[in-house]
Amino acid sequence: MDDVEEQDNFPVEGNKKGRRRGGGGDDETDGLTCSERMHMSISRWMLPEDLRETYMDRANCFPPPIFIILVSIGELAVFIYYAVWKPQKQWITLGTGILNSPLTYNPRFRQEAWRFLSYMFVHAGVEHILGNLIMQLLLGIPLELVHKGFEVGMVYMCGVLAGSLASSIFDPCSALVGASGGVYALMGGYFMNAVVNFREMFPLLGIFRIAAIVIIVVVDVGFAVYRRFIIHDHGMSVSFVAHIGGGVAGMSIGYVFFSNYNQKLLRNPLFWMCIVGYIVFILFAVVFNIFLSQANNPFCY
């Protein structure tokens, strides 16, 4: 991905390049435009120090972070549709209209393969969609500015698919809604990058990034488990396993994509190990759903 990224640094004027060097002092940003300041801040959050200068030499907003924005608009549009045109009793909790949606992953209709991806557009309530939108925009836009839409899109969609497949294996009788699989894939890739490159980041910044992700994951997964096992709502229960499946996908595939800036992925053995492992998991999940899943049992519901 890309031959362009393999080339040497693009030539820049000496004084401009000189402004971009340094360890983060205030004089480093003197004379920079607002766009350059923004990209410098993003590089500190997303890249180890040895890659920041290369990124700054090439940084621009073209193409813009269109993938994560379009996905977010699509998710918001579907939520508004079900909340307004097909009103729920209340917006805070899951309603039967969402469970009956042709987009929701419903184990009874696993043969409708699009549901393994389309469930990401359906959300259980206001707090559900706001949490996912805020996280994926705050994390996805900076990631897409650095790694561009293809890499971020691949990680996000791999997380969505891994989430539904993991849920179909480990929680086969539960429905699934929400973009948490994709969001957790972005978080997993970012988390691994932060851990591996911890020494090359500012110490306080590295600690803050890791601690913030851990706190968010613990609170969110804890709430999802609470809703799954403690609150006994009428109707079909909703799985939390997609969080874990998406996170694992992000910590493998996401880490490879997000840690190989300025390198050819196709020449990285770790990339192929992650891709082959992901494909093996998909094949196993397909076979499991066809022949072994408890969802085939009518007493599951």
C-alpha atoms as a PDB file:
ATOM      1  CA  MET A   1       0.000   0.000   0.000  1.00  0.00           C
ATOM      2  CA  ASP A   2       1.766   1.624  -1.213  1.00  0.00           C
ATOM      3  CA  ASP A   3       4.560   2.303  -3.446  1.00  0.00           C
ATOM      4  CA  VAL A   4       4.188   6.017  -2.802  1.00  0.00           C
ATOM      5  CA  GLU A   5       4.692   5.467   0.910  1.00  0.00           C
ATOM      6  CA  GLU A   6       7.900   3.584   0.192  1.00  0.00           C
ATOM      7  CA  GLN A   7       9.541   6.520  -1.539  1.00  0.00           C
ATOM      8  CA  ASP A   8      11.989   8.789   0.206  1.00  0.00           C
ATOM      9  CA  ASN A   9      10.700  11.867   1.955  1.00  0.00           C
ATOM     10  CA  PHE A  10       9.310  14.472  -0.395  1.00  0.00           C
ATOM     11  CA  PRO A  11      11.636  17.462  -0.746  1.00  0.00           C
ATOM     12  CA  VAL A  12      10.690  20.461   1.326  1.00  0.00           C
ATOM     13  CA  GLU A  13      12.222  23.825   1.942  1.00  0.00           C
ATOM     14  CA  GLY A  14      14.960  23.717   4.516  1.00  0.00           C
ATOM     15  CA  ASN A  15      13.485  26.305   6.841  1.00  0.00           C
ATOM     16  CA  LYS A  16      10.053  24.655   6.745  1.00  0.00           C
ATOM     17  CA  LYS A  17      11.515  21.257   7.503  1.00  0.00           C
ATOM     18  CA  GLY A  18      13.591  22.737  10.261  1.00  0.00           C
ATOM     19  CA  ARG A  19      10.503  24.075  11.973  1.00  0.00           C
ATOM     20  CA  ARG A  20       9.099  20.567  12.121  1.00  0.00           C
ATOM     21  CA  ARG A  21      12.029  19.023  13.897  1.00  0.00           C
ATOM     22  CA  GLY A  22      12.446  18.933  17.600  1.00  0.00           C
ATOM     23  CA  GLY A  23      11.047  17.315  20.673  1.00  0.00           C
ATOM     24  CA  GLY A  24       7.877  19.317  21.135  1.00  0.00           C
ATOM     25  CA  GLY A  25       8.988  22.745  22.385  1.00  0.00           C
ATOM     26  CA  ASP A  26       6.867  25.832  21.779  1.00  0.00           C
ATOM     27  CA  ASP A  27       9.322  27.152  19.161  1.00  0.00           C
ATOM     28  CA  GLU A  28       8.599  24.069  17.060  1.00  0.00           C
ATOM     29  CA  THR A  29       5.185  25.435  16.090  1.00  0.00           C
ATOM     30  CA  ASP A  30       6.303  29.009  15.404  1.00  0.00           C
ATOM     31  CA  GLY A  31       5.296  30.110  11.919  1.00  0.00           C
ATOM     32  CA  LEU A  32       3.148  27.064  11.198  1.00  0.00           C
ATOM     33  CA  THR A  33      -0.321  27.417   9.740  1.00  0.00           C
ATOM     34  CA  CYS A  34      -3.405  26.157  11.596  1.00  0.00           C
ATOM     35  CA  SER A  35      -3.472  23.105   9.324  1.00  0.00           C
ATOM     36  CA  GLU A  36       0.168  22.298  10.072  1.00  0.00           C
ATOM     37  CA  ARG A  37      -0.410  22.724  13.815  1.00  0.00           C
ATOM     38  CA  MET A  38      -3.347  20.340  13.606  1.00  0.00           C
ATOM     39  CA  HIS A  39      -1.314  17.725  11.752  1.00  0.00           C
ATOM     40  CA  MET A  40       1.561  18.111  14.219  1.00  0.00           C
ATOM     41  CA  SER A  41      -0.794  17.443  17.134  1.00  0.00           C
ATOM     42  CA  ILE A  42      -2.250  14.425  15.323  1.00  0.00           C
ATOM     43  CA  SER A  43       1.220  13.031  14.627  1.00  0.00           C
ATOM     44  CA  ARG A  44       2.061  13.202  18.345  1.00  0.00           C
ATOM     45  CA  TRP A  45      -1.046  11.191  19.195  1.00  0.00           C
ATOM     46  CA  MET A  46      -0.798   8.637  16.400  1.00  0.00           C
ATOM     47  CA  LEU A  47       2.865   8.082  15.488  1.00  0.00           C
ATOM     48  CA  PRO A  48       6.180   7.413  17.224  1.00  0.00           C
ATOM     49  CA  GLU A  49       8.733  10.191  17.014  1.00  0.00           C
ATOM     50  CA  ASP A  50      10.831   8.689  14.203  1.00  0.00           C
ATOM     51  CA  LEU A  51       7.849   8.758  11.810  1.00  0.00           C
ATOM     52  CA  ARG A  52       6.471  12.223  12.596  1.00  0.00           C
ATOM     53  CA  GLU A  53       8.786  14.156  10.309  1.00  0.00           C
ATOM     54  CA  THR A  54       7.921  11.929   7.350  1.00  0.00           C
ATOM     55  CA  TYR A  55       4.231  12.362   8.098  1.00  0.00           C
ATOM     56  CA  MET A  56       4.544  16.148   8.433  1.00  0.00           C
ATOM     57  CA  ASP A  57       6.314  16.379   5.077  1.00  0.00           C
ATOM     58  CA  ARG A  58       3.337  14.732   3.401  1.00  0.00           C
ATOM     59  CA  ALA A  59       0.450  15.731   5.681  1.00  0.00           C
ATOM     60  CA  ASN A  60      -2.690  17.024   4.016  1.00  0.00           C
ATOM     61  CA  CYS A  61      -6.448  16.616   4.219  1.00  0.00           C
ATOM     62  CA  PHE A  62      -6.811  15.124   0.745  1.00  0.00           C
ATOM     63  CA  PRO A  63      -8.573  12.803   0.665  1.00  0.00           C
ATOM     64  CA  PRO A  64     -10.522  13.938   3.743  1.00  0.00           C
ATOM     65  CA  PRO A  65     -11.520  11.394   6.422  1.00  0.00           C
ATOM     66  CA  ILE A  66     -14.563  10.486   4.377  1.00  0.00           C
ATOM     67  CA  PHE A  67     -15.011   6.837   5.424  1.00  0.00           C
ATOM     68  CA  ILE A  68     -15.588   7.364   9.127  1.00  0.00           C
ATOM     69  CA  ILE A  69     -17.780  10.406   8.455  1.00  0.00           C
ATOM     70  CA  LEU A  70     -19.997   8.576   5.957  1.00  0.00           C
ATOM     71  CA  VAL A  71     -20.354   5.560   8.254  1.00  0.00           C
ATOM     72  CA  SER A  72     -21.318   7.838  11.134  1.00  0.00           C
ATOM     73  CA  ILE A  73     -23.905   9.656   9.001  1.00  0.00           C
ATOM     74  CA  GLY A  74     -25.371   6.312   7.901  1.00  0.00           C
ATOM     75  CA  GLU A  75     -25.642   5.067  11.489  1.00  0.00           C
ATOM     76  CA  LEU A  76     -27.252   8.303  12.641  1.00  0.00           C
ATOM     77  CA  ALA A  77     -29.726   8.242   9.728  1.00  0.00           C
ATOM     78  CA  VAL A  78     -30.853   4.693  10.542  1.00  0.00           C
ATOM     79  CA  PHE A  79     -31.265   5.584  14.217  1.00  0.00           C
ATOM     80  CA  ILE A  80     -33.384   8.631  13.348  1.00  0.00           C
ATOM     81  CA  TYR A  81     -35.497   6.496  11.038  1.00  0.00           C
ATOM     82  CA  TYR A  82     -36.372   4.013  13.773  1.00  0.00           C
ATOM     83  CA  ALA A  83     -36.723   6.676  16.472  1.00  0.00           C
ATOM     84  CA  VAL A  84     -38.924   9.082  14.475  1.00  0.00           C
ATOM     85  CA  TRP A  85     -40.673   7.299  11.609  1.00  0.00           C
ATOM     86  CA  LYS A  86     -41.024   4.082  13.611  1.00  0.00           C
ATOM     87  CA  PRO A  87     -41.208   5.495  17.147  1.00  0.00           C
ATOM     88  CA  GLN A  88     -40.078   3.418  20.114  1.00  0.00           C
ATOM     89  CA  LYS A  89     -41.768   3.538  23.502  1.00  0.00           C
ATOM     90  CA  GLN A  90     -38.662   5.341  24.699  1.00  0.00           C
ATOM     91  CA  TRP A  91     -35.364   6.196  23.055  1.00  0.00           C
ATOM     92  CA  ILE A  92     -33.189   5.041  25.910  1.00  0.00           C
ATOM     93  CA  THR A  93     -33.883   1.324  25.692  1.00  0.00           C
ATOM     94  CA  LEU A  94     -34.138  -1.283  23.001  1.00  0.00           C
ATOM     95  CA  GLY A  95     -37.536  -1.682  21.322  1.00  0.00           C
ATOM     96  CA  THR A  96     -39.091  -4.471  19.319  1.00  0.00           C
ATOM     97  CA  GLY A  97     -39.000  -2.365  16.166  1.00  0.00           C
ATOM     98  CA  ILE A  98     -35.212  -2.521  16.172  1.00  0.00           C
ATOM     99  CA  LEU A  99     -35.129  -6.241  16.925  1.00  0.00           C
ATOM    100  CA  ASN A 100     -37.380  -6.849  13.937  1.00  0.00           C
ATOM    101  CA  SER A 101     -35.274  -4.697  11.637  1.00  0.00           C
ATOM    102  CA  PRO A 102     -33.898  -6.406   8.501  1.00  0.00           C
ATOM    103  CA  LEU A 103     -30.535  -4.866   9.431  1.00  0.00           C
ATOM    104  CA  THR A 104     -30.254  -6.359  12.931  1.00  0.00           C
ATOM    105  CA  TYR A 105     -28.199  -9.512  13.376  1.00  0.00           C
ATOM    106  CA  ASN A 106     -30.827 -12.049  14.434  1.00  0.00           C
ATOM    107  CA  PRO A 107     -29.641 -15.649  14.900  1.00  0.00           C
ATOM    108  CA  ARG A 108     -32.948 -16.903  13.521  1.00  0.00           C
ATOM    109  CA  PHE A 109     -32.099 -15.373  10.165  1.00  0.00           C
ATOM    110  CA  ARG A 110     -28.383 -16.159   9.933  1.00  0.00           C
ATOM    111  CA  GLN A 111     -28.851 -17.248   6.326  1.00  0.00           C
ATOM    112  CA  GLU A 112     -29.365 -13.570   5.476  1.00  0.00           C
ATOM    113  CA  ALA A 113     -25.634 -12.979   5.353  1.00  0.00           C
ATOM    114  CA  TRP A 114     -25.804  -9.187   5.099  1.00  0.00           C
ATOM    115  CA  ARG A 115     -26.929  -9.071   8.734  1.00  0.00           C
ATOM    116  CA  PHE A 116     -23.392  -9.974   9.847  1.00  0.00           C
ATOM    117  CA  LEU A 117     -22.379  -6.467   8.680  1.00  0.00           C
ATOM    118  CA  SER A 118     -25.573  -4.408   8.549  1.00  0.00           C
ATOM    119  CA  TYR A 119     -26.196  -4.682  12.315  1.00  0.00           C
ATOM    120  CA  MET A 120     -23.646  -1.904  12.762  1.00  0.00           C
ATOM    121  CA  PHE A 121     -26.203   0.640  11.515  1.00  0.00           C
ATOM    122  CA  VAL A 122     -28.826  -0.196  14.180  1.00  0.00           C
ATOM    123  CA  HIS A 123     -28.498   1.047  17.767  1.00  0.00           C
ATOM    124  CA  ALA A 124     -30.376   0.286  20.957  1.00  0.00           C
ATOM    125  CA  GLY A 125     -30.919   3.836  22.182  1.00  0.00           C
ATOM    126  CA  VAL A 126     -29.594   7.368  22.523  1.00  0.00           C
ATOM    127  CA  GLU A 127     -26.727   6.517  24.852  1.00  0.00           C
ATOM    128  CA  HIS A 128     -25.741   3.602  22.601  1.00  0.00           C
ATOM    129  CA  ILE A 129     -25.406   5.564  19.387  1.00  0.00           C
ATOM    130  CA  LEU A 130     -23.916   8.664  21.032  1.00  0.00           C
ATOM    131  CA  GLY A 131     -21.201   6.582  22.684  1.00  0.00           C
ATOM    132  CA  ASN A 132     -20.275   4.849  19.439  1.00  0.00           C
ATOM    133  CA  LEU A 133     -20.391   8.013  17.323  1.00  0.00           C
ATOM    134  CA  ILE A 134     -18.276  10.030  19.745  1.00  0.00           C
ATOM    135  CA  MET A 135     -15.629   7.326  20.045  1.00  0.00           C
ATOM    136  CA  GLN A 136     -15.362   6.526  16.348  1.00  0.00           C
ATOM    137  CA  LEU A 137     -15.231  10.189  15.313  1.00  0.00           C
ATOM    138  CA  LEU A 138     -12.689  11.196  17.965  1.00  0.00           C
ATOM    139  CA  LEU A 139     -10.462   8.237  17.156  1.00  0.00           C
ATOM    140  CA  GLY A 140     -11.329   7.492  13.527  1.00  0.00           C
ATOM    141  CA  ILE A 141     -10.809  10.963  12.051  1.00  0.00           C
ATOM    142  CA  PRO A 142      -7.195  11.356  13.326  1.00  0.00           C
ATOM    143  CA  LEU A 143      -6.432   7.764  12.322  1.00  0.00           C
ATOM    144  CA  GLU A 144      -7.826   8.372   8.848  1.00  0.00           C
ATOM    145  CA  LEU A 145      -5.821  11.583   8.441  1.00  0.00           C
ATOM    146  CA  VAL A 146      -2.662   9.579   9.131  1.00  0.00           C
ATOM    147  CA  HIS A 147      -3.452   6.206   7.567  1.00  0.00           C
ATOM    148  CA  LYS A 148      -6.154   7.221   5.049  1.00  0.00           C
ATOM    149  CA  GLY A 149      -9.545   5.690   4.450  1.00  0.00           C
ATOM    150  CA  PHE A 150      -8.581   2.274   3.115  1.00  0.00           C
ATOM    151  CA  GLU A 151      -6.656   1.206   6.189  1.00  0.00           C
ATOM    152  CA  VAL A 152      -9.193   2.604   8.655  1.00  0.00           C
ATOM    153  CA  GLY A 153     -12.095   1.168   6.644  1.00  0.00           C
ATOM    154  CA  MET A 154     -10.515  -2.289   6.530  1.00  0.00           C
ATOM    155  CA  VAL A 155      -9.876  -2.334  10.278  1.00  0.00           C
ATOM    156  CA  TYR A 156     -13.364  -1.035  11.061  1.00  0.00           C
ATOM    157  CA  MET A 157     -15.190  -3.529   8.841  1.00  0.00           C
ATOM    158  CA  CYS A 158     -12.989  -6.419   9.996  1.00  0.00           C
ATOM    159  CA  GLY A 159     -14.003  -5.529  13.537  1.00  0.00           C
ATOM    160  CA  VAL A 160     -17.696  -5.427  12.621  1.00  0.00           C
ATOM    161  CA  LEU A 161     -17.536  -8.854  10.958  1.00  0.00           C
ATOM    162  CA  ALA A 162     -15.406 -10.358  13.707  1.00  0.00           C
ATOM    163  CA  GLY A 163     -17.878  -9.055  16.280  1.00  0.00           C
ATOM    164  CA  SER A 164     -20.918 -10.704  14.720  1.00  0.00           C
ATOM    165  CA  LEU A 165     -19.096 -13.970  13.993  1.00  0.00           C
ATOM    166  CA  ALA A 166     -17.727 -14.143  17.536  1.00  0.00           C
ATOM    167  CA  SER A 167     -21.202 -13.477  18.894  1.00  0.00           C
ATOM    168  CA  SER A 168     -22.674 -16.217  16.694  1.00  0.00           C
ATOM    169  CA  ILE A 169     -20.177 -18.691  18.191  1.00  0.00           C
ATOM    170  CA  PHE A 170     -19.994 -17.725  21.868  1.00  0.00           C
ATOM    171  CA  ASP A 171     -23.468 -16.233  22.376  1.00  0.00           C
ATOM    172  CA  PRO A 172     -25.444 -17.942  19.601  1.00  0.00           C
ATOM    173  CA  CYS A 173     -28.968 -17.229  20.871  1.00  0.00           C
ATOM    174  CA  SER A 174     -28.586 -13.442  21.167  1.00  0.00           C
ATOM    175  CA  ALA A 175     -29.332 -10.680  18.708  1.00  0.00           C
ATOM    176  CA  LEU A 176     -26.772  -8.010  17.891  1.00  0.00           C
ATOM    177  CA  VAL A 177     -27.032  -4.288  17.179  1.00  0.00           C
ATOM    178  CA  GLY A 178     -24.569  -1.406  17.192  1.00  0.00           C
ATOM    179  CA  ALA A 179     -21.202  -0.448  15.733  1.00  0.00           C
ATOM    180  CA  SER A 180     -19.226  -1.507  18.793  1.00  0.00           C
ATOM    181  CA  GLY A 181     -17.314  -4.172  16.839  1.00  0.00           C
ATOM    182  CA  GLY A 182     -15.893  -1.544  14.484  1.00  0.00           C
ATOM    183  CA  VAL A 183     -15.283   0.993  17.249  1.00  0.00           C
ATOM    184  CA  TYR A 184     -13.456  -1.561  19.375  1.00  0.00           C
ATOM    185  CA  ALA A 185     -11.346  -2.583  16.379  1.00  0.00           C
ATOM    186  CA  LEU A 186     -10.129   1.019  16.062  1.00  0.00           C
ATOM    187  CA  MET A 187      -9.522   1.167  19.801  1.00  0.00           C
ATOM    188  CA  GLY A 188      -7.701  -2.175  19.788  1.00  0.00           C
ATOM    189  CA  GLY A 189      -5.341  -1.149  16.996  1.00  0.00           C
ATOM    190  CA  TYR A 190      -4.684   2.226  18.614  1.00  0.00           C
ATOM    191  CA  PHE A 191      -4.160   0.626  22.028  1.00  0.00           C
ATOM    192  CA  MET A 192      -1.568  -1.841  20.742  1.00  0.00           C
ATOM    193  CA  ASN A 193       0.234   0.922  18.883  1.00  0.00           C
ATOM    194  CA  ALA A 194       0.315   3.020  22.060  1.00  0.00           C
ATOM    195  CA  VAL A 195       1.664   0.116  24.128  1.00  0.00           C
ATOM    196  CA  VAL A 196       4.344  -0.985  21.650  1.00  0.00           C
ATOM    197  CA  ASN A 197       5.557   2.575  20.996  1.00  0.00           C
ATOM    198  CA  PHE A 198       5.180   3.729  24.591  1.00  0.00           C
ATOM    199  CA  ARG A 199       8.848   4.644  25.031  1.00  0.00           C
ATOM    200  CA  GLU A 200       8.823   6.783  21.894  1.00  0.00           C
ATOM    201  CA  MET A 201       5.856   8.870  23.043  1.00  0.00           C
ATOM    202  CA  PHE A 202       5.784  11.543  25.700  1.00  0.00           C
ATOM    203  CA  PRO A 203       5.451   9.533  28.962  1.00  0.00           C
ATOM    204  CA  LEU A 204       2.418  11.368  30.336  1.00  0.00           C
ATOM    205  CA  LEU A 205       0.717  11.255  26.952  1.00  0.00           C
ATOM    206  CA  GLY A 206       1.341   7.517  26.631  1.00  0.00           C
ATOM    207  CA  ILE A 207       0.004   6.825  30.122  1.00  0.00           C
ATOM    208  CA  PHE A 208      -3.077   8.947  29.464  1.00  0.00           C
ATOM    209  CA  ARG A 209      -3.848   7.207  26.156  1.00  0.00           C
ATOM    210  CA  ILE A 210      -3.543   3.705  27.582  1.00  0.00           C
ATOM    211  CA  ALA A 211      -5.428   4.538  30.780  1.00  0.00           C
ATOM    212  CA  ALA A 212      -8.248   6.257  28.871  1.00  0.00           C
ATOM    213  CA  ILE A 213      -8.785   3.252  26.601  1.00  0.00           C
ATOM    214  CA  VAL A 214      -8.710   0.791  29.511  1.00  0.00           C
ATOM    215  CA  ILE A 215     -11.248   2.826  31.504  1.00  0.00           C
ATOM    216  CA  ILE A 216     -13.590   3.214  28.531  1.00  0.00           C
ATOM    217  CA  VAL A 217     -13.430  -0.501  27.714  1.00  0.00           C
ATOM    218  CA  VAL A 218     -13.993  -1.635  31.312  1.00  0.00           C
ATOM    219  CA  VAL A 219     -16.986   0.696  31.802  1.00  0.00           C
ATOM    220  CA  ASP A 220     -18.557  -0.032  28.418  1.00  0.00           C
ATOM    221  CA  VAL A 221     -18.118  -3.803  28.497  1.00  0.00           C
ATOM    222  CA  GLY A 222     -19.246  -3.875  32.117  1.00  0.00           C
ATOM    223  CA  PHE A 223     -22.449  -2.049  31.212  1.00  0.00           C
ATOM    224  CA  ALA A 224     -23.003  -4.380  28.247  1.00  0.00           C
ATOM    225  CA  VAL A 225     -22.566  -7.450  30.465  1.00  0.00           C
ATOM    226  CA  TYR A 226     -24.955  -5.918  33.002  1.00  0.00           C
ATOM    227  CA  ARG A 227     -27.612  -5.442  30.339  1.00  0.00           C
ATOM    228  CA  ARG A 228     -27.042  -8.954  29.052  1.00  0.00           C
ATOM    229  CA  PHE A 229     -27.202 -10.890  32.319  1.00  0.00           C
ATOM    230  CA  ILE A 230     -28.729  -8.646  35.005  1.00  0.00           C
ATOM    231  CA  ILE A 231     -31.469  -6.684  33.253  1.00  0.00           C
ATOM    232  CA  HIS A 232     -34.008  -9.175  31.957  1.00  0.00           C
ATOM    233  CA  ASP A 233     -35.834  -7.246  29.253  1.00  0.00           C
ATOM    234  CA  HIS A 234     -38.718  -8.842  27.439  1.00  0.00           C
ATOM    235  CA  GLY A 235     -37.832 -10.238  24.058  1.00  0.00           C
ATOM    236  CA  MET A 236     -34.522 -11.419  22.699  1.00  0.00           C
ATOM    237  CA  SER A 237     -31.365 -10.578  24.633  1.00  0.00           C
ATOM    238  CA  VAL A 238     -28.616  -8.573  22.982  1.00  0.00           C
ATOM    239  CA  SER A 239     -25.052  -9.879  22.888  1.00  0.00           C
ATOM    240  CA  PHE A 240     -21.957  -8.108  24.225  1.00  0.00           C
ATOM    241  CA  VAL A 241     -19.455 -10.481  22.601  1.00  0.00           C
ATOM    242  CA  ALA A 242     -19.037  -8.191  19.569  1.00  0.00           C
ATOM    243  CA  HIS A 243     -17.068  -5.788  21.769  1.00  0.00           C
ATOM    244  CA  ILE A 244     -14.522  -8.497  22.503  1.00  0.00           C
ATOM    245  CA  GLY A 245     -14.433  -9.863  18.946  1.00  0.00           C
ATOM    246  CA  GLY A 246     -13.925  -6.406  17.467  1.00  0.00           C
ATOM    247  CA  GLY A 247     -11.237  -5.578  20.008  1.00  0.00           C
ATOM    248  CA  VAL A 248      -9.279  -8.749  19.248  1.00  0.00           C
ATOM    249  CA  ALA A 249      -9.515  -8.024  15.514  1.00  0.00           C
ATOM    250  CA  GLY A 250      -8.212  -4.517  16.138  1.00  0.00           C
ATOM    251  CA  MET A 251      -5.348  -5.699  18.325  1.00  0.00           C
ATOM    252  CA  SER A 252      -4.159  -7.958  15.489  1.00  0.00           C
ATOM    253  CA  ILE A 253      -5.125  -6.594  12.071  1.00  0.00           C
ATOM    254  CA  GLY A 254      -5.588  -3.050  13.367  1.00  0.00           C
ATOM    255  CA  TYR A 255      -2.187  -3.013  14.998  1.00  0.00           C
ATOM    256  CA  VAL A 256      -0.498  -4.171  11.782  1.00  0.00           C
ATOM    257  CA  PHE A 257      -2.216  -1.481   9.705  1.00  0.00           C
ATOM    258  CA  PHE A 258      -1.677   1.337  12.203  1.00  0.00           C
ATOM    259  CA  SER A 259       1.958   0.526  13.048  1.00  0.00           C
ATOM    260  CA  ASN A 260       3.245   0.223   9.467  1.00  0.00           C
ATOM    261  CA  TYR A 261       3.120   3.831   8.348  1.00  0.00           C
ATOM    262  CA  ASN A 262       5.564   4.422   5.477  1.00  0.00           C
ATOM    263  CA  GLN A 263       6.111   0.665   4.937  1.00  0.00           C
ATOM    264  CA  LYS A 264       4.851  -1.994   2.539  1.00  0.00           C
ATOM    265  CA  LEU A 265       2.393  -4.229   4.327  1.00  0.00           C
ATOM    266  CA  LEU A 266       2.673  -6.979   1.720  1.00  0.00           C
ATOM    267  CA  ARG A 267       6.313  -7.510   2.712  1.00  0.00           C
ATOM    268  CA  ASN A 268       5.540  -7.746   6.420  1.00  0.00           C
ATOM    269  CA  PRO A 269       5.239 -11.379   7.657  1.00  0.00           C
ATOM    270  CA  LEU A 270       3.149 -10.214  10.609  1.00  0.00           C
ATOM    271  CA  PHE A 271       0.575  -8.808   8.177  1.00  0.00           C
ATOM    272  CA  TRP A 272       0.171 -12.181   6.471  1.00  0.00           C
ATOM    273  CA  MET A 273      -0.016 -14.004   9.809  1.00  0.00           C
ATOM    274  CA  CYS A 274      -2.878 -11.745  10.896  1.00  0.00           C
ATOM    275  CA  ILE A 275      -4.681 -12.008   7.542  1.00  0.00           C
ATOM    276  CA  VAL A 276      -4.402 -15.805   7.420  1.00  0.00           C
ATOM    277  CA  GLY A 277      -5.514 -16.081  11.048  1.00  0.00           C
ATOM    278  CA  TYR A 278      -8.516 -13.847  10.353  1.00  0.00           C
ATOM    279  CA  ILE A 279      -9.525 -15.885   7.286  1.00  0.00           C
ATOM    280  CA  VAL A 280      -9.226 -19.148   9.251  1.00  0.00           C
ATOM    281  CA  PHE A 281     -11.473 -17.659  11.944  1.00  0.00           C
ATOM    282  CA  ILE A 282     -14.086 -16.634   9.334  1.00  0.00           C
ATOM    283  CA  LEU A 283     -14.089 -20.098   7.750  1.00  0.00           C
ATOM    284  CA  PHE A 284     -14.434 -21.761  11.140  1.00  0.00           C
ATOM    285  CA  ALA A 285     -17.311 -19.428  12.065  1.00  0.00           C
ATOM    286  CA  VAL A 286     -19.133 -20.187   8.813  1.00  0.00           C
ATOM    287  CA  VAL A 287     -18.821 -23.956   9.327  1.00  0.00           C
ATOM    288  CA  PHE A 288     -19.853 -23.584  12.966  1.00  0.00           C
ATOM    289  CA  ASN A 289     -22.976 -21.606  12.061  1.00  0.00           C
ATOM    290  CA  ILE A 290     -24.033 -24.118   9.418  1.00  0.00           C
ATOM    291  CA  PHE A 291     -23.482 -27.360  11.299  1.00  0.00           C
ATOM    292  CA  LEU A 292     -22.835 -26.807  15.025  1.00  0.00           C
ATOM    293  CA  SER A 293     -24.580 -23.667  16.257  1.00  0.00           C
ATOM    294  CA  GLN A 294     -27.083 -23.930  19.105  1.00  0.00           C
ATOM    295  CA  ALA A 295     -29.132 -21.329  17.257  1.00  0.00           C
ATOM    296  CA  ASN A 296     -30.353 -24.209  15.082  1.00  0.00           C
ATOM    297  CA  ASN A 297     -32.221 -25.467  18.165  1.00  0.00           C
ATOM    298  CA  PRO A 298     -35.767 -24.008  18.427  1.00  0.00           C
ATOM    299  CA  PHE A 299     -35.471 -24.032  22.240  1.00  0.00           C
ATOM    300  CA  CYS A 300     -32.758 -21.384  21.924  1.00  0.00           C
ATOM    301  CA  TYR A 301     -35.354 -18.608  21.708  1.00  0.00           C
END
